[in-house]
Amino acid sequence: MDYTYKYPRPAVTADCAVMTNEPLPKVLLIQRGAEPYKGAWAFPGGFMNMDETTEECAIRELEEETGLKVATVHQIGAYSKVDRDPRGRTITVAYLAIIDSPEEVKGQDDAANAAWFDLTDLPHLAFDHYDIIKDAAAVYARYVKIPE
């Protein structure tokens, strides 16, 4: 059955922050191959398909854009600033994956490049991904035992 709604509906995306379990964690970013923010760095992510959860979307987009496969992700949060995406009203649910060390990645699909960056030396990030990385670091600290 088809439904029509009198209220506009936002698009939903999912992003996947991948961090390494090392004394100085590294973060996986993709360089955007298309507008908006073409050439800027961002977390792997994209629009959710109608037949998947946001978790499945984050895992799928990560593999499509970098070749990296993960099985488990932890929700960081939902980001819904009205102007967060210049293409239109978009809400993203961000996830964190933790892996032992950097694995080989390659920019694929709509990602021009994929690379690992030290958490303390990040390039300019697209969208509201500075907010997401700040929150990702807090979630990371809950799952990884940080030596004293």
C-alpha atoms as a PDB file:
ATOM      1  CA  MET A   1       0.000   0.000   0.000  1.00  0.00           C
ATOM      2  CA  ASP A   2       1.314   3.448  -0.861  1.00  0.00           C
ATOM      3  CA  TYR A   3       1.053   6.233   1.640  1.00  0.00           C
ATOM      4  CA  THR A   4       1.181   9.943   1.106  1.00  0.00           C
ATOM      5  CA  TYR A   5       2.151  12.396   3.788  1.00  0.00           C
ATOM      6  CA  LYS A   6       1.327  16.055   4.141  1.00  0.00           C
ATOM      7  CA  TYR A   7       4.607  16.615   6.017  1.00  0.00           C
ATOM      8  CA  PRO A   8       7.999  16.717   4.261  1.00  0.00           C
ATOM      9  CA  ARG A   9      10.399  13.954   5.233  1.00  0.00           C
ATOM     10  CA  PRO A  10      14.147  14.324   5.632  1.00  0.00           C
ATOM     11  CA  ALA A  11      16.698  12.026   4.043  1.00  0.00           C
ATOM     12  CA  VAL A  12      18.561   9.625   6.345  1.00  0.00           C
ATOM     13  CA  THR A  13      22.241   8.827   6.071  1.00  0.00           C
ATOM     14  CA  ALA A  14      24.686   6.797   8.140  1.00  0.00           C
ATOM     15  CA  ASP A  15      28.370   7.514   8.710  1.00  0.00           C
ATOM     16  CA  CYS A  16      31.047   5.160  10.027  1.00  0.00           C
ATOM     17  CA  ALA A  17      34.028   6.428  12.004  1.00  0.00           C
ATOM     18  CA  VAL A  18      36.714   3.751  12.182  1.00  0.00           C
ATOM     19  CA  MET A  19      39.412   4.115  14.832  1.00  0.00           C
ATOM     20  CA  THR A  20      42.369   1.900  15.649  1.00  0.00           C
ATOM     21  CA  ASN A  21      43.066   0.438  19.080  1.00  0.00           C
ATOM     22  CA  GLU A  22      46.564   1.899  19.390  1.00  0.00           C
ATOM     23  CA  PRO A  23      48.267   4.260  21.873  1.00  0.00           C
ATOM     24  CA  LEU A  24      47.788   7.040  19.285  1.00  0.00           C
ATOM     25  CA  PRO A  25      44.567   6.043  17.509  1.00  0.00           C
ATOM     26  CA  LYS A  26      44.229   6.539  13.787  1.00  0.00           C
ATOM     27  CA  VAL A  27      40.968   7.480  12.074  1.00  0.00           C
ATOM     28  CA  LEU A  28      39.847   6.348   8.624  1.00  0.00           C
ATOM     29  CA  LEU A  29      38.591   9.115   6.338  1.00  0.00           C
ATOM     30  CA  ILE A  30      37.565   9.304   2.703  1.00  0.00           C
ATOM     31  CA  GLN A  31      38.208  12.196   0.363  1.00  0.00           C
ATOM     32  CA  ARG A  32      34.958  13.198  -1.283  1.00  0.00           C
ATOM     33  CA  GLY A  33      34.899  12.726  -5.037  1.00  0.00           C
ATOM     34  CA  ALA A  34      31.739  14.756  -5.656  1.00  0.00           C
ATOM     35  CA  GLU A  35      29.975  17.873  -4.449  1.00  0.00           C
ATOM     36  CA  PRO A  36      29.128  18.967  -1.894  1.00  0.00           C
ATOM     37  CA  TYR A  37      32.558  19.359  -0.312  1.00  0.00           C
ATOM     38  CA  LYS A  38      34.383  17.757  -3.242  1.00  0.00           C
ATOM     39  CA  GLY A  39      38.008  17.171  -2.202  1.00  0.00           C
ATOM     40  CA  ALA A  40      37.309  17.534   1.523  1.00  0.00           C
ATOM     41  CA  TRP A  41      37.725  14.641   3.933  1.00  0.00           C
ATOM     42  CA  ALA A  42      34.812  12.943   5.691  1.00  0.00           C
ATOM     43  CA  PHE A  43      33.758   9.726   7.320  1.00  0.00           C
ATOM     44  CA  PRO A  44      32.646   6.982   4.961  1.00  0.00           C
ATOM     45  CA  GLY A  45      28.878   7.161   4.734  1.00  0.00           C
ATOM     46  CA  GLY A  46      25.865   7.685   2.584  1.00  0.00           C
ATOM     47  CA  PHE A  47      22.144   7.481   2.103  1.00  0.00           C
ATOM     48  CA  MET A  48      20.211   4.643   3.693  1.00  0.00           C
ATOM     49  CA  ASN A  49      18.372   2.196   1.459  1.00  0.00           C
ATOM     50  CA  MET A  50      14.708   1.531   2.263  1.00  0.00           C
ATOM     51  CA  ASP A  51      15.420  -2.133   3.108  1.00  0.00           C
ATOM     52  CA  GLU A  52      18.260  -1.639   5.615  1.00  0.00           C
ATOM     53  CA  THR A  53      18.880  -0.347   9.119  1.00  0.00           C
ATOM     54  CA  THR A  54      21.201   2.561   9.792  1.00  0.00           C
ATOM     55  CA  GLU A  55      23.765   0.076  11.175  1.00  0.00           C
ATOM     56  CA  GLU A  56      23.620  -1.932   7.954  1.00  0.00           C
ATOM     57  CA  CYS A  57      23.921   1.277   5.941  1.00  0.00           C
ATOM     58  CA  ALA A  58      27.040   2.382   7.858  1.00  0.00           C
ATOM     59  CA  ILE A  59      28.714  -1.019   7.381  1.00  0.00           C
ATOM     60  CA  ARG A  60      27.751  -1.167   3.679  1.00  0.00           C
ATOM     61  CA  GLU A  61      28.923   2.377   2.922  1.00  0.00           C
ATOM     62  CA  LEU A  62      32.219   1.737   4.723  1.00  0.00           C
ATOM     63  CA  GLU A  63      32.906  -1.291   2.527  1.00  0.00           C
ATOM     64  CA  GLU A  64      31.699   0.395  -0.678  1.00  0.00           C
ATOM     65  CA  GLU A  65      33.849   3.491  -0.166  1.00  0.00           C
ATOM     66  CA  THR A  66      37.020   1.961   1.350  1.00  0.00           C
ATOM     67  CA  GLY A  67      36.960  -1.821   0.880  1.00  0.00           C
ATOM     68  CA  LEU A  68      37.135  -2.273   4.673  1.00  0.00           C
ATOM     69  CA  LYS A  69      34.737  -4.836   6.147  1.00  0.00           C
ATOM     70  CA  VAL A  70      33.619  -4.694   9.784  1.00  0.00           C
ATOM     71  CA  ALA A  71      31.047  -6.768  11.614  1.00  0.00           C
ATOM     72  CA  THR A  72      30.358  -4.630  14.678  1.00  0.00           C
ATOM     73  CA  VAL A  73      29.624  -0.939  15.087  1.00  0.00           C
ATOM     74  CA  HIS A  74      28.681   1.152  18.123  1.00  0.00           C
ATOM     75  CA  GLN A  75      26.248   4.033  17.760  1.00  0.00           C
ATOM     76  CA  ILE A  76      27.810   7.435  18.382  1.00  0.00           C
ATOM     77  CA  GLY A  77      24.644   9.488  17.956  1.00  0.00           C
ATOM     78  CA  ALA A  78      22.237  11.182  15.589  1.00  0.00           C
ATOM     79  CA  TYR A  79      23.042  14.536  13.979  1.00  0.00           C
ATOM     80  CA  SER A  80      20.199  16.704  12.787  1.00  0.00           C
ATOM     81  CA  LYS A  81      21.267  20.338  12.448  1.00  0.00           C
ATOM     82  CA  VAL A  82      18.934  21.860   9.888  1.00  0.00           C
ATOM     83  CA  ASP A  83      21.774  23.069   7.640  1.00  0.00           C
ATOM     84  CA  ARG A  84      24.195  20.141   8.073  1.00  0.00           C
ATOM     85  CA  ASP A  85      23.949  19.094   4.406  1.00  0.00           C
ATOM     86  CA  PRO A  86      23.634  21.647   1.581  1.00  0.00           C
ATOM     87  CA  ARG A  87      21.774  19.088  -0.593  1.00  0.00           C
ATOM     88  CA  GLY A  88      18.726  19.257   1.671  1.00  0.00           C
ATOM     89  CA  ARG A  89      17.315  18.234   5.022  1.00  0.00           C
ATOM     90  CA  THR A  90      19.388  15.244   6.096  1.00  0.00           C
ATOM     91  CA  ILE A  91      19.720  13.429   9.390  1.00  0.00           C
ATOM     92  CA  THR A  92      22.675  11.125   9.918  1.00  0.00           C
ATOM     93  CA  VAL A  93      23.223   8.382  12.457  1.00  0.00           C
ATOM     94  CA  ALA A  94      26.937   7.963  13.130  1.00  0.00           C
ATOM     95  CA  TYR A  95      28.642   4.750  14.183  1.00  0.00           C
ATOM     96  CA  LEU A  96      32.064   3.789  15.489  1.00  0.00           C
ATOM     97  CA  ALA A  97      34.018   0.693  14.489  1.00  0.00           C
ATOM     98  CA  ILE A  98      37.204  -0.181  16.378  1.00  0.00           C
ATOM     99  CA  ILE A  99      39.908  -2.283  14.740  1.00  0.00           C
ATOM    100  CA  ASP A 100      43.340  -3.301  16.043  1.00  0.00           C
ATOM    101  CA  SER A 101      45.503  -1.448  13.521  1.00  0.00           C
ATOM    102  CA  PRO A 102      45.204   0.297  10.157  1.00  0.00           C
ATOM    103  CA  GLU A 103      44.268  -2.021   7.310  1.00  0.00           C
ATOM    104  CA  GLU A 104      44.758  -1.406   3.609  1.00  0.00           C
ATOM    105  CA  VAL A 105      42.004   0.808   2.211  1.00  0.00           C
ATOM    106  CA  LYS A 106      41.280   2.316  -1.179  1.00  0.00           C
ATOM    107  CA  GLY A 107      38.910   5.096  -2.234  1.00  0.00           C
ATOM    108  CA  GLN A 108      36.060   3.454  -4.167  1.00  0.00           C
ATOM    109  CA  ASP A 109      32.509   4.241  -5.283  1.00  0.00           C
ATOM    110  CA  ASP A 110      32.094   8.003  -4.775  1.00  0.00           C
ATOM    111  CA  ALA A 111      35.233   8.337  -2.619  1.00  0.00           C
ATOM    112  CA  ALA A 112      38.244   9.752  -4.480  1.00  0.00           C
ATOM    113  CA  ASN A 113      40.650   8.486  -1.820  1.00  0.00           C
ATOM    114  CA  ALA A 114      40.746   6.750   1.566  1.00  0.00           C
ATOM    115  CA  ALA A 115      43.482   7.191   4.172  1.00  0.00           C
ATOM    116  CA  TRP A 116      44.320   6.858   7.851  1.00  0.00           C
ATOM    117  CA  PHE A 117      45.026   9.966   9.937  1.00  0.00           C
ATOM    118  CA  ASP A 118      46.330  10.415  13.469  1.00  0.00           C
ATOM    119  CA  LEU A 119      43.458  11.442  15.726  1.00  0.00           C
ATOM    120  CA  THR A 120      45.495  14.507  16.732  1.00  0.00           C
ATOM    121  CA  ASP A 121      46.286  15.583  13.142  1.00  0.00           C
ATOM    122  CA  LEU A 122      43.087  15.559  11.109  1.00  0.00           C
ATOM    123  CA  PRO A 123      42.589  17.365   7.781  1.00  0.00           C
ATOM    124  CA  HIS A 124      39.695  19.761   7.147  1.00  0.00           C
ATOM    125  CA  LEU A 125      36.465  17.774   7.574  1.00  0.00           C
ATOM    126  CA  ALA A 126      33.254  18.151   5.568  1.00  0.00           C
ATOM    127  CA  PHE A 127      29.717  18.551   6.908  1.00  0.00           C
ATOM    128  CA  ASP A 128      29.533  18.438  10.733  1.00  0.00           C
ATOM    129  CA  HIS A 129      32.150  15.706  11.012  1.00  0.00           C
ATOM    130  CA  TYR A 130      34.154  17.668  13.616  1.00  0.00           C
ATOM    131  CA  ASP A 131      31.173  17.227  15.942  1.00  0.00           C
ATOM    132  CA  ILE A 132      31.034  13.538  15.108  1.00  0.00           C
ATOM    133  CA  ILE A 133      34.761  12.919  15.705  1.00  0.00           C
ATOM    134  CA  LYS A 134      34.558  14.629  19.090  1.00  0.00           C
ATOM    135  CA  ASP A 135      31.672  12.372  20.099  1.00  0.00           C
ATOM    136  CA  ALA A 136      33.364   9.324  18.499  1.00  0.00           C
ATOM    137  CA  ALA A 137      36.414   9.842  20.711  1.00  0.00           C
ATOM    138  CA  ALA A 138      34.166   9.770  23.802  1.00  0.00           C
ATOM    139  CA  VAL A 139      32.477   6.533  22.661  1.00  0.00           C
ATOM    140  CA  TYR A 140      35.891   5.066  21.796  1.00  0.00           C
ATOM    141  CA  ALA A 141      37.119   5.756  25.347  1.00  0.00           C
ATOM    142  CA  ARG A 142      34.203   3.708  26.748  1.00  0.00           C
ATOM    143  CA  TYR A 143      35.193   0.633  24.697  1.00  0.00           C
ATOM    144  CA  VAL A 144      38.996   0.785  24.744  1.00  0.00           C
ATOM    145  CA  LYS A 145      41.060   0.449  27.892  1.00  0.00           C
ATOM    146  CA  ILE A 146      43.374   3.459  27.798  1.00  0.00           C
ATOM    147  CA  PRO A 147      46.674   2.781  29.666  1.00  0.00           C
ATOM    148  CA  GLU A 148      47.330   5.051  32.614  1.00  0.00           C
END
